[in-house]
Protein backbone atom coordinates (compact mmCIF):
# COMPACT_ATOMS: atom_id res chain seq x y z
CA UNK A 1 0.00 0.00 0.00
CA UNK A 2 1.29 3.48 -0.72
CA UNK A 3 3.09 4.89 2.29
CA UNK A 4 3.69 8.44 1.11
CA UNK A 5 0.01 9.39 0.87
CA UNK A 6 -0.88 13.04 1.27
CA UNK A 7 -3.65 13.73 3.75
CA UNK A 8 -6.80 14.56 1.82
CA UNK A 9 -9.57 15.78 4.12
CA UNK A 10 -12.44 14.90 1.80
CA UNK A 11 -11.59 11.21 2.31
CA UNK A 12 -11.67 11.43 6.12
CA UNK A 13 -15.10 9.82 6.37
CA UNK A 14 -13.93 6.73 4.49
CA UNK A 15 -12.74 3.66 6.33
CA UNK A 16 -10.09 3.07 3.68
CA UNK A 17 -8.37 5.51 1.36
CA UNK A 18 -9.49 5.00 -2.25
CA UNK A 19 -5.91 4.37 -3.42
CA UNK A 20 -5.55 1.59 -0.83
CA UNK A 21 -8.87 0.08 -1.89
CA UNK A 22 -7.79 0.12 -5.53
CA UNK A 23 -4.46 -1.51 -4.78
CA UNK A 24 -6.10 -4.26 -2.74
CA UNK A 25 -8.94 -4.98 -5.19
CA UNK A 26 -7.28 -4.47 -8.61
CA UNK A 27 -5.02 -7.04 -10.20
CA UNK A 28 -1.36 -5.94 -10.32
CA UNK A 29 -1.76 -5.05 -14.01
CA UNK A 30 -4.95 -3.07 -13.37
CA UNK A 31 -3.37 -1.13 -10.52
CA UNK A 32 -0.20 -0.50 -12.53
CA UNK A 33 -2.32 0.72 -15.45
CA UNK A 34 -4.33 3.03 -13.21
CA UNK A 35 -1.18 4.65 -11.82
CA UNK A 36 0.37 5.01 -15.26
CA UNK A 37 -2.83 6.56 -16.59
CA UNK A 38 -2.90 9.13 -13.79
CA UNK A 39 0.75 10.04 -14.46
CA UNK A 40 0.05 10.51 -18.17
CA UNK A 41 -3.07 12.57 -17.43
CA UNK A 42 -1.37 15.02 -15.10
CA UNK A 43 1.79 15.39 -17.18
CA UNK A 44 -0.06 15.91 -20.45
CA UNK A 45 -2.30 18.68 -19.09
CA UNK A 46 -0.08 20.52 -16.62
CA UNK A 47 0.61 23.49 -18.92
CA UNK A 48 -3.00 24.00 -19.94
CA UNK A 49 -5.20 23.68 -16.87
CA UNK A 50 -4.06 26.69 -14.84
CA UNK A 51 -2.42 24.73 -12.01
CA UNK A 52 0.86 23.52 -13.53
CA UNK A 53 2.79 22.95 -10.31
CA UNK A 54 -0.15 21.19 -8.63
CA UNK A 55 -0.57 18.88 -11.63
CA UNK A 56 3.15 18.08 -11.72
CA UNK A 57 3.07 17.35 -7.99
CA UNK A 58 0.13 14.98 -8.49
CA UNK A 59 2.00 13.22 -11.30
CA UNK A 60 5.00 12.95 -8.98
CA UNK A 61 2.81 11.41 -6.26
CA UNK A 62 1.43 8.77 -8.63
CA UNK A 63 4.95 8.10 -9.93
CA UNK A 64 6.21 7.58 -6.37
CA UNK A 65 3.36 5.13 -5.76
CA UNK A 66 4.19 3.28 -8.98
CA UNK A 67 7.87 3.07 -8.02
CA UNK A 68 6.95 1.80 -4.56
CA UNK A 69 4.57 -0.75 -6.09
CA UNK A 70 7.16 -1.99 -8.59
CA UNK A 71 9.83 -2.29 -5.89
CA UNK A 72 7.61 -4.76 -4.04
CA UNK A 73 6.83 -6.92 -7.09
CA UNK A 74 8.93 -9.92 -8.08
CA UNK A 75 10.77 -9.36 -11.36
CA UNK A 76 8.87 -12.30 -12.87
CA UNK A 77 5.62 -10.32 -12.50
CA UNK A 78 6.85 -7.40 -14.60
CA UNK A 79 4.94 -7.62 -17.86
CA UNK A 80 6.76 -7.25 -21.18
CA UNK A 81 6.53 -3.87 -22.88
CA UNK A 82 4.79 -4.40 -26.22
CA UNK A 83 6.27 -1.15 -27.54
CA UNK A 84 9.90 -2.21 -27.19
CA UNK A 85 11.66 -4.23 -29.86
CA UNK A 86 12.93 -7.56 -28.74
CA UNK A 87 16.65 -8.02 -29.02
CA UNK A 88 17.79 -10.61 -31.50
PDB file of N, CA and C in Angstrom:
ATOM      1  N   UNK A   1       0.837  -1.179   0.000  1.00  0.00           N
ATOM      2  CA  UNK A   1       0.000   0.000   0.000  1.00  0.00           C
ATOM      3  C   UNK A   1       0.883   1.243   0.000  1.00  0.00           C
ATOM      4  N   UNK A   2       0.471   2.271  -0.688  1.00  0.00           N
ATOM      5  CA  UNK A   2       1.286   3.481  -0.719  1.00  0.00           C
ATOM      6  C   UNK A   2       1.524   4.036   0.674  1.00  0.00           C
ATOM      7  N   UNK A   3       2.762   4.376   0.964  1.00  0.00           N
ATOM      8  CA  UNK A   3       3.093   4.893   2.288  1.00  0.00           C
ATOM      9  C   UNK A   3       3.248   6.399   2.301  1.00  0.00           C
ATOM     10  N   UNK A   4       3.452   7.004   1.154  1.00  0.00           N
ATOM     11  CA  UNK A   4       3.687   8.444   1.109  1.00  0.00           C
ATOM     12  C   UNK A   4       2.429   9.193   0.682  1.00  0.00           C
ATOM     13  N   UNK A   5       1.284   8.778   1.234  1.00  0.00           N
ATOM     14  CA  UNK A   5       0.007   9.393   0.875  1.00  0.00           C
ATOM     15  C   UNK A   5      -0.119  10.776   1.479  1.00  0.00           C
ATOM     16  N   UNK A   6      -0.556  11.743   0.680  1.00  0.00           N
ATOM     17  CA  UNK A   6      -0.875  13.035   1.269  1.00  0.00           C
ATOM     18  C   UNK A   6      -2.198  12.920   2.012  1.00  0.00           C
ATOM     19  N   UNK A   7      -2.378  13.725   3.037  1.00  0.00           N
ATOM     20  CA  UNK A   7      -3.647  13.726   3.752  1.00  0.00           C
ATOM     21  C   UNK A   7      -4.649  14.529   2.940  1.00  0.00           C
ATOM     22  N   UNK A   8      -5.750  13.891   2.588  1.00  0.00           N
ATOM     23  CA  UNK A   8      -6.795  14.559   1.822  1.00  0.00           C
ATOM     24  C   UNK A   8      -8.064  14.535   2.671  1.00  0.00           C
ATOM     25  N   UNK A   9      -8.475  15.700   3.142  1.00  0.00           N
ATOM     26  CA  UNK A   9      -9.567  15.776   4.121  1.00  0.00           C
ATOM     27  C   UNK A   9     -10.897  15.262   3.590  1.00  0.00           C
ATOM     28  N   UNK A  10     -11.141  15.366   2.281  1.00  0.00           N
ATOM     29  CA  UNK A  10     -12.442  14.899   1.804  1.00  0.00           C
ATOM     30  C   UNK A  10     -12.569  13.374   1.809  1.00  0.00           C
ATOM     31  N   UNK A  11     -11.508  12.655   2.157  1.00  0.00           N
ATOM     32  CA  UNK A  11     -11.587  11.207   2.311  1.00  0.00           C
ATOM     33  C   UNK A  11     -11.640  10.795   3.784  1.00  0.00           C
ATOM     34  N   UNK A  12     -11.699  11.744   4.695  1.00  0.00           N
ATOM     35  CA  UNK A  12     -11.669  11.431   6.125  1.00  0.00           C
ATOM     36  C   UNK A  12     -12.818  10.537   6.581  1.00  0.00           C
ATOM     37  N   UNK A  13     -13.959  10.629   5.942  1.00  0.00           N
ATOM     38  CA  UNK A  13     -15.097   9.824   6.369  1.00  0.00           C
ATOM     39  C   UNK A  13     -15.011   8.382   5.884  1.00  0.00           C
ATOM     40  N   UNK A  14     -14.093   8.091   5.006  1.00  0.00           N
ATOM     41  CA  UNK A  14     -13.931   6.728   4.487  1.00  0.00           C
ATOM     42  C   UNK A  14     -13.144   5.870   5.459  1.00  0.00           C
ATOM     43  N   UNK A  15     -13.470   4.608   5.507  1.00  0.00           N
ATOM     44  CA  UNK A  15     -12.736   3.661   6.334  1.00  0.00           C
ATOM     45  C   UNK A  15     -11.370   3.380   5.717  1.00  0.00           C
ATOM     46  N   UNK A  16     -11.325   3.353   4.404  1.00  0.00           N
ATOM     47  CA  UNK A  16     -10.087   3.065   3.679  1.00  0.00           C
ATOM     48  C   UNK A  16      -9.897   4.151   2.615  1.00  0.00           C
ATOM     49  N   UNK A  17      -8.663   4.546   2.409  1.00  0.00           N
ATOM     50  CA  UNK A  17      -8.365   5.509   1.356  1.00  0.00           C
ATOM     51  C   UNK A  17      -8.643   4.846   0.004  1.00  0.00           C
ATOM     52  N   UNK A  18      -9.196   5.592  -0.944  1.00  0.00           N
ATOM     53  CA  UNK A  18      -9.487   4.998  -2.255  1.00  0.00           C
ATOM     54  C   UNK A  18      -8.271   4.343  -2.913  1.00  0.00           C
ATOM     55  N   UNK A  19      -7.094   4.949  -2.797  1.00  0.00           N
ATOM     56  CA  UNK A  19      -5.908   4.366  -3.423  1.00  0.00           C
ATOM     57  C   UNK A  19      -5.574   3.008  -2.804  1.00  0.00           C
ATOM     58  N   UNK A  20      -5.779   2.873  -1.494  1.00  0.00           N
ATOM     59  CA  UNK A  20      -5.551   1.587  -0.832  1.00  0.00           C
ATOM     60  C   UNK A  20      -6.576   0.550  -1.274  1.00  0.00           C
ATOM     61  N   UNK A  21      -7.824   0.985  -1.423  1.00  0.00           N
ATOM     62  CA  UNK A  21      -8.872   0.076  -1.886  1.00  0.00           C
ATOM     63  C   UNK A  21      -8.559  -0.413  -3.297  1.00  0.00           C
ATOM     64  N   UNK A  22      -8.124   0.509  -4.162  1.00  0.00           N
ATOM     65  CA  UNK A  22      -7.791   0.122  -5.534  1.00  0.00           C
ATOM     66  C   UNK A  22      -6.640  -0.874  -5.566  1.00  0.00           C
ATOM     67  N   UNK A  23      -5.603  -0.597  -4.779  1.00  0.00           N
ATOM     68  CA  UNK A  23      -4.459  -1.512  -4.782  1.00  0.00           C
ATOM     69  C   UNK A  23      -4.852  -2.896  -4.288  1.00  0.00           C
ATOM     70  N   UNK A  24      -5.730  -2.959  -3.295  1.00  0.00           N
ATOM     71  CA  UNK A  24      -6.097  -4.261  -2.741  1.00  0.00           C
ATOM     72  C   UNK A  24      -7.132  -5.004  -3.579  1.00  0.00           C
ATOM     73  N   UNK A  25      -7.892  -4.295  -4.422  1.00  0.00           N
ATOM     74  CA  UNK A  25      -8.935  -4.985  -5.186  1.00  0.00           C
ATOM     75  C   UNK A  25      -8.609  -5.133  -6.676  1.00  0.00           C
ATOM     76  N   UNK A  26      -7.677  -4.343  -7.205  1.00  0.00           N
ATOM     77  CA  UNK A  26      -7.285  -4.473  -8.610  1.00  0.00           C
ATOM     78  C   UNK A  26      -6.237  -5.578  -8.737  1.00  0.00           C
ATOM     79  N   UNK A  27      -6.143  -6.148  -9.932  1.00  0.00           N
ATOM     80  CA  UNK A  27      -5.018  -7.039 -10.203  1.00  0.00           C
ATOM     81  C   UNK A  27      -3.759  -6.162 -10.286  1.00  0.00           C
ATOM     82  N   UNK A  28      -2.571  -6.753 -10.175  1.00  0.00           N
ATOM     83  CA  UNK A  28      -1.361  -5.936 -10.323  1.00  0.00           C
ATOM     84  C   UNK A  28      -1.328  -5.150 -11.633  1.00  0.00           C
ATOM     85  N   UNK A  29      -1.755  -5.770 -12.732  1.00  0.00           N
ATOM     86  CA  UNK A  29      -1.758  -5.054 -14.013  1.00  0.00           C
ATOM     87  C   UNK A  29      -2.776  -3.922 -14.028  1.00  0.00           C
ATOM     88  N   UNK A  30      -3.935  -4.134 -13.429  1.00  0.00           N
ATOM     89  CA  UNK A  30      -4.951  -3.073 -13.373  1.00  0.00           C
ATOM     90  C   UNK A  30      -4.452  -1.892 -12.539  1.00  0.00           C
ATOM     91  N   UNK A  31      -3.857  -2.199 -11.392  1.00  0.00           N
ATOM     92  CA  UNK A  31      -3.369  -1.129 -10.523  1.00  0.00           C
ATOM     93  C   UNK A  31      -2.228  -0.363 -11.194  1.00  0.00           C
ATOM     94  N   UNK A  32      -1.310  -1.104 -11.797  1.00  0.00           N
ATOM     95  CA  UNK A  32      -0.200  -0.496 -12.528  1.00  0.00           C
ATOM     96  C   UNK A  32      -0.740   0.406 -13.636  1.00  0.00           C
ATOM     97  N   UNK A  33      -1.722  -0.060 -14.374  1.00  0.00           N
ATOM     98  CA  UNK A  33      -2.315   0.717 -15.450  1.00  0.00           C
ATOM     99  C   UNK A  33      -3.004   1.971 -14.937  1.00  0.00           C
ATOM    100  N   UNK A  34      -3.682   1.859 -13.800  1.00  0.00           N
ATOM    101  CA  UNK A  34      -4.333   3.026 -13.209  1.00  0.00           C
ATOM    102  C   UNK A  34      -3.290   4.092 -12.869  1.00  0.00           C
ATOM    103  N   UNK A  35      -2.217   3.688 -12.203  1.00  0.00           N
ATOM    104  CA  UNK A  35      -1.179   4.649 -11.823  1.00  0.00           C
ATOM    105  C   UNK A  35      -0.544   5.283 -13.049  1.00  0.00           C
ATOM    106  N   UNK A  36      -0.229   4.471 -14.038  1.00  0.00           N
ATOM    107  CA  UNK A  36       0.368   5.009 -15.264  1.00  0.00           C
ATOM    108  C   UNK A  36      -0.576   5.986 -15.955  1.00  0.00           C
ATOM    109  N   UNK A  37      -1.860   5.675 -15.979  1.00  0.00           N
ATOM    110  CA  UNK A  37      -2.835   6.563 -16.589  1.00  0.00           C
ATOM    111  C   UNK A  37      -2.919   7.910 -15.882  1.00  0.00           C
ATOM    112  N   UNK A  38      -2.861   7.888 -14.559  1.00  0.00           N
ATOM    113  CA  UNK A  38      -2.895   9.132 -13.791  1.00  0.00           C
ATOM    114  C   UNK A  38      -1.646   9.971 -14.066  1.00  0.00           C
ATOM    115  N   UNK A  39      -0.495   9.322 -14.155  1.00  0.00           N
ATOM    116  CA  UNK A  39       0.755  10.035 -14.459  1.00  0.00           C
ATOM    117  C   UNK A  39       0.648  10.708 -15.829  1.00  0.00           C
ATOM    118  N   UNK A  40       0.188   9.959 -16.810  1.00  0.00           N
ATOM    119  CA  UNK A  40       0.048  10.507 -18.165  1.00  0.00           C
ATOM    120  C   UNK A  40      -0.932  11.676 -18.169  1.00  0.00           C
ATOM    121  N   UNK A  41      -2.054  11.517 -17.470  1.00  0.00           N
ATOM    122  CA  UNK A  41      -3.068  12.573 -17.435  1.00  0.00           C
ATOM    123  C   UNK A  41      -2.492  13.871 -16.890  1.00  0.00           C
ATOM    124  N   UNK A  42      -1.855  13.800 -15.735  1.00  0.00           N
ATOM    125  CA  UNK A  42      -1.370  15.025 -15.102  1.00  0.00           C
ATOM    126  C   UNK A  42      -0.204  15.654 -15.855  1.00  0.00           C
ATOM    127  N   UNK A  43       0.665  14.842 -16.437  1.00  0.00           N
ATOM    128  CA  UNK A  43       1.793  15.395 -17.182  1.00  0.00           C
ATOM    129  C   UNK A  43       1.322  16.017 -18.498  1.00  0.00           C
ATOM    130  N   UNK A  44       0.360  15.394 -19.149  1.00  0.00           N
ATOM    131  CA  UNK A  44      -0.059  15.913 -20.450  1.00  0.00           C
ATOM    132  C   UNK A  44      -0.906  17.182 -20.353  1.00  0.00           C
ATOM    133  N   UNK A  45      -1.466  17.479 -19.188  1.00  0.00           N
ATOM    134  CA  UNK A  45      -2.305  18.678 -19.086  1.00  0.00           C
ATOM    135  C   UNK A  45      -1.710  19.792 -18.239  1.00  0.00           C
ATOM    136  N   UNK A  46      -0.559  19.578 -17.631  1.00  0.00           N
ATOM    137  CA  UNK A  46      -0.075  20.515 -16.622  1.00  0.00           C
ATOM    138  C   UNK A  46       0.105  21.942 -17.135  1.00  0.00           C
ATOM    139  N   UNK A  47       0.393  22.131 -18.390  1.00  0.00           N
ATOM    140  CA  UNK A  47       0.613  23.488 -18.915  1.00  0.00           C
ATOM    141  C   UNK A  47      -0.679  24.181 -19.331  1.00  0.00           C
ATOM    142  N   UNK A  48      -1.775  23.456 -19.353  1.00  0.00           N
ATOM    143  CA  UNK A  48      -2.997  24.004 -19.936  1.00  0.00           C
ATOM    144  C   UNK A  48      -4.159  24.179 -18.966  1.00  0.00           C
ATOM    145  N   UNK A  49      -4.063  23.669 -17.768  1.00  0.00           N
ATOM    146  CA  UNK A  49      -5.202  23.677 -16.869  1.00  0.00           C
ATOM    147  C   UNK A  49      -5.206  24.860 -15.909  1.00  0.00           C
ATOM    148  N   UNK A  50      -4.118  25.549 -15.749  1.00  0.00           N
ATOM    149  CA  UNK A  50      -4.063  26.685 -14.842  1.00  0.00           C
ATOM    150  C   UNK A  50      -3.427  26.386 -13.502  1.00  0.00           C
ATOM    151  N   UNK A  51      -3.078  25.126 -13.265  1.00  0.00           N
ATOM    152  CA  UNK A  51      -2.422  24.730 -12.014  1.00  0.00           C
ATOM    153  C   UNK A  51      -1.217  23.846 -12.330  1.00  0.00           C
ATOM    154  N   UNK A  52      -0.229  24.380 -13.051  1.00  0.00           N
ATOM    155  CA  UNK A  52       0.864  23.522 -13.527  1.00  0.00           C
ATOM    156  C   UNK A  52       1.651  22.835 -12.420  1.00  0.00           C
ATOM    157  N   UNK A  53       1.986  23.561 -11.370  1.00  0.00           N
ATOM    158  CA  UNK A  53       2.790  22.949 -10.307  1.00  0.00           C
ATOM    159  C   UNK A  53       1.977  21.896  -9.556  1.00  0.00           C
ATOM    160  N   UNK A  54       0.711  22.173  -9.310  1.00  0.00           N
ATOM    161  CA  UNK A  54      -0.146  21.189  -8.628  1.00  0.00           C
ATOM    162  C   UNK A  54      -0.275  19.918  -9.457  1.00  0.00           C
ATOM    163  N   UNK A  55      -0.453  20.068 -10.774  1.00  0.00           N
ATOM    164  CA  UNK A  55      -0.570  18.881 -11.627  1.00  0.00           C
ATOM    165  C   UNK A  55       0.741  18.094 -11.682  1.00  0.00           C
ATOM    166  N   UNK A  56       1.863  18.783 -11.741  1.00  0.00           N
ATOM    167  CA  UNK A  56       3.153  18.077 -11.722  1.00  0.00           C
ATOM    168  C   UNK A  56       3.363  17.369 -10.387  1.00  0.00           C
ATOM    169  N   UNK A  57       2.941  17.980  -9.304  1.00  0.00           N
ATOM    170  CA  UNK A  57       3.066  17.346  -7.988  1.00  0.00           C
ATOM    171  C   UNK A  57       2.193  16.102  -7.905  1.00  0.00           C
ATOM    172  N   UNK A  58       0.998  16.167  -8.487  1.00  0.00           N
ATOM    173  CA  UNK A  58       0.125  14.984  -8.495  1.00  0.00           C
ATOM    174  C   UNK A  58       0.753  13.874  -9.323  1.00  0.00           C
ATOM    175  N   UNK A  59       1.316  14.224 -10.482  1.00  0.00           N
ATOM    176  CA  UNK A  59       2.000  13.218 -11.300  1.00  0.00           C
ATOM    177  C   UNK A  59       3.154  12.602 -10.521  1.00  0.00           C
ATOM    178  N   UNK A  60       3.872  13.428  -9.790  1.00  0.00           N
ATOM    179  CA  UNK A  60       4.997  12.950  -8.983  1.00  0.00           C
ATOM    180  C   UNK A  60       4.517  11.995  -7.893  1.00  0.00           C
ATOM    181  N   UNK A  61       3.375  12.293  -7.288  1.00  0.00           N
ATOM    182  CA  UNK A  61       2.809  11.406  -6.260  1.00  0.00           C
ATOM    183  C   UNK A  61       2.473  10.046  -6.852  1.00  0.00           C
ATOM    184  N   UNK A  62       1.786  10.041  -8.001  1.00  0.00           N
ATOM    185  CA  UNK A  62       1.434   8.774  -8.632  1.00  0.00           C
ATOM    186  C   UNK A  62       2.675   8.025  -9.088  1.00  0.00           C
ATOM    187  N   UNK A  63       3.702   8.742  -9.539  1.00  0.00           N
ATOM    188  CA  UNK A  63       4.945   8.097  -9.934  1.00  0.00           C
ATOM    189  C   UNK A  63       5.629   7.463  -8.721  1.00  0.00           C
ATOM    190  N   UNK A  64       5.622   8.152  -7.600  1.00  0.00           N
ATOM    191  CA  UNK A  64       6.207   7.581  -6.374  1.00  0.00           C
ATOM    192  C   UNK A  64       5.460   6.317  -5.961  1.00  0.00           C
ATOM    193  N   UNK A  65       4.141   6.321  -6.089  1.00  0.00           N
ATOM    194  CA  UNK A  65       3.364   5.132  -5.755  1.00  0.00           C
ATOM    195  C   UNK A  65       3.679   3.991  -6.719  1.00  0.00           C
ATOM    196  N   UNK A  66       3.853   4.312  -8.006  1.00  0.00           N
ATOM    197  CA  UNK A  66       4.192   3.281  -8.983  1.00  0.00           C
ATOM    198  C   UNK A  66       5.572   2.695  -8.695  1.00  0.00           C
ATOM    199  N   UNK A  67       6.520   3.547  -8.367  1.00  0.00           N
ATOM    200  CA  UNK A  67       7.866   3.070  -8.024  1.00  0.00           C
ATOM    201  C   UNK A  67       7.800   2.163  -6.798  1.00  0.00           C
ATOM    202  N   UNK A  68       7.097   2.602  -5.779  1.00  0.00           N
ATOM    203  CA  UNK A  68       6.954   1.795  -4.563  1.00  0.00           C
ATOM    204  C   UNK A  68       6.290   0.453  -4.866  1.00  0.00           C
ATOM    205  N   UNK A  69       5.264   0.476  -5.703  1.00  0.00           N
ATOM    206  CA  UNK A  69       4.572  -0.753  -6.088  1.00  0.00           C
ATOM    207  C   UNK A  69       5.515  -1.693  -6.830  1.00  0.00           C
ATOM    208  N   UNK A  70       6.250  -1.158  -7.796  1.00  0.00           N
ATOM    209  CA  UNK A  70       7.158  -1.991  -8.590  1.00  0.00           C
ATOM    210  C   UNK A  70       8.302  -2.547  -7.748  1.00  0.00           C
ATOM    211  N   UNK A  71       8.753  -1.794  -6.766  1.00  0.00           N
ATOM    212  CA  UNK A  71       9.830  -2.286  -5.891  1.00  0.00           C
ATOM    213  C   UNK A  71       9.390  -3.486  -5.068  1.00  0.00           C
ATOM    214  N   UNK A  72       8.104  -3.646  -4.851  1.00  0.00           N
ATOM    215  CA  UNK A  72       7.608  -4.764  -4.038  1.00  0.00           C
ATOM    216  C   UNK A  72       7.205  -5.964  -4.883  1.00  0.00           C
ATOM    217  N   UNK A  73       7.246  -5.829  -6.204  1.00  0.00           N
ATOM    218  CA  UNK A  73       6.830  -6.920  -7.091  1.00  0.00           C
ATOM    219  C   UNK A  73       8.029  -7.773  -7.477  1.00  0.00           C
ATOM    220  N   UNK A  74       7.844  -9.078  -7.561  1.00  0.00           N
ATOM    221  CA  UNK A  74       8.925  -9.922  -8.084  1.00  0.00           C
ATOM    222  C   UNK A  74       9.178  -9.583  -9.552  1.00  0.00           C
ATOM    223  N   UNK A  75      10.414  -9.683  -9.971  1.00  0.00           N
ATOM    224  CA  UNK A  75      10.774  -9.362 -11.361  1.00  0.00           C
ATOM    225  C   UNK A  75       9.975 -10.205 -12.349  1.00  0.00           C
ATOM    226  N   UNK A  76       9.619 -11.417 -11.967  1.00  0.00           N
ATOM    227  CA  UNK A  76       8.872 -12.296 -12.866  1.00  0.00           C
ATOM    228  C   UNK A  76       7.464 -11.780 -13.140  1.00  0.00           C
ATOM    229  N   UNK A  77       6.961 -10.871 -12.292  1.00  0.00           N
ATOM    230  CA  UNK A  77       5.623 -10.317 -12.500  1.00  0.00           C
ATOM    231  C   UNK A  77       5.623  -9.082 -13.388  1.00  0.00           C
ATOM    232  N   UNK A  78       6.789  -8.587 -13.753  1.00  0.00           N
ATOM    233  CA  UNK A  78       6.847  -7.396 -14.597  1.00  0.00           C
ATOM    234  C   UNK A  78       6.473  -7.803 -16.014  1.00  0.00           C
ATOM    235  N   UNK A  79       5.382  -7.216 -16.530  1.00  0.00           N
ATOM    236  CA  UNK A  79       4.939  -7.621 -17.864  1.00  0.00           C
ATOM    237  C   UNK A  79       5.863  -7.077 -18.942  1.00  0.00           C
ATOM    238  N   UNK A  80       5.939  -7.759 -20.089  1.00  0.00           N
ATOM    239  CA  UNK A  80       6.757  -7.249 -21.181  1.00  0.00           C
ATOM    240  C   UNK A  80       6.147  -5.966 -21.730  1.00  0.00           C
ATOM    241  N   UNK A  81       6.987  -5.115 -22.261  1.00  0.00           N
ATOM    242  CA  UNK A  81       6.527  -3.871 -22.878  1.00  0.00           C
ATOM    243  C   UNK A  81       6.323  -4.139 -24.359  1.00  0.00           C
ATOM    244  N   UNK A  82       5.086  -4.074 -24.826  1.00  0.00           N
ATOM    245  CA  UNK A  82       4.793  -4.399 -26.221  1.00  0.00           C
ATOM    246  C   UNK A  82       5.312  -3.351 -27.199  1.00  0.00           C
ATOM    247  N   UNK A  83       5.771  -2.212 -26.671  1.00  0.00           N
ATOM    248  CA  UNK A  83       6.270  -1.149 -27.541  1.00  0.00           C
ATOM    249  C   UNK A  83       7.781  -1.197 -27.738  1.00  0.00           C
ATOM    250  N   UNK A  84       8.454  -2.084 -27.040  1.00  0.00           N
ATOM    251  CA  UNK A  84       9.903  -2.207 -27.192  1.00  0.00           C
ATOM    252  C   UNK A  84      10.207  -3.358 -28.141  1.00  0.00           C
ATOM    253  N   UNK A  85      11.227  -3.166 -28.968  1.00  0.00           N
ATOM    254  CA  UNK A  85      11.657  -4.230 -29.859  1.00  0.00           C
ATOM    255  C   UNK A  85      12.425  -5.259 -29.056  1.00  0.00           C
ATOM    256  N   UNK A  86      12.211  -6.486 -29.398  1.00  0.00           N
ATOM    257  CA  UNK A  86      12.930  -7.557 -28.744  1.00  0.00           C
ATOM    258  C   UNK A  86      14.317  -7.659 -29.342  1.00  0.00           C
ATOM    259  N   UNK A  87      15.296  -7.875 -28.494  1.00  0.00           N
ATOM    260  CA  UNK A  87      16.650  -8.017 -29.015  1.00  0.00           C
ATOM    261  C   UNK A  87      16.780  -9.352 -29.713  1.00  0.00           C
ATOM    262  N   UNK A  88      17.625  -9.373 -30.729  1.00  0.00           N
ATOM    263  CA  UNK A  88      17.788 -10.612 -31.496  1.00  0.00           C
ATOM    264  C   UNK A  88      19.126 -11.235 -31.225  1.00  0.00           C
TER     265      UNK A  88
END
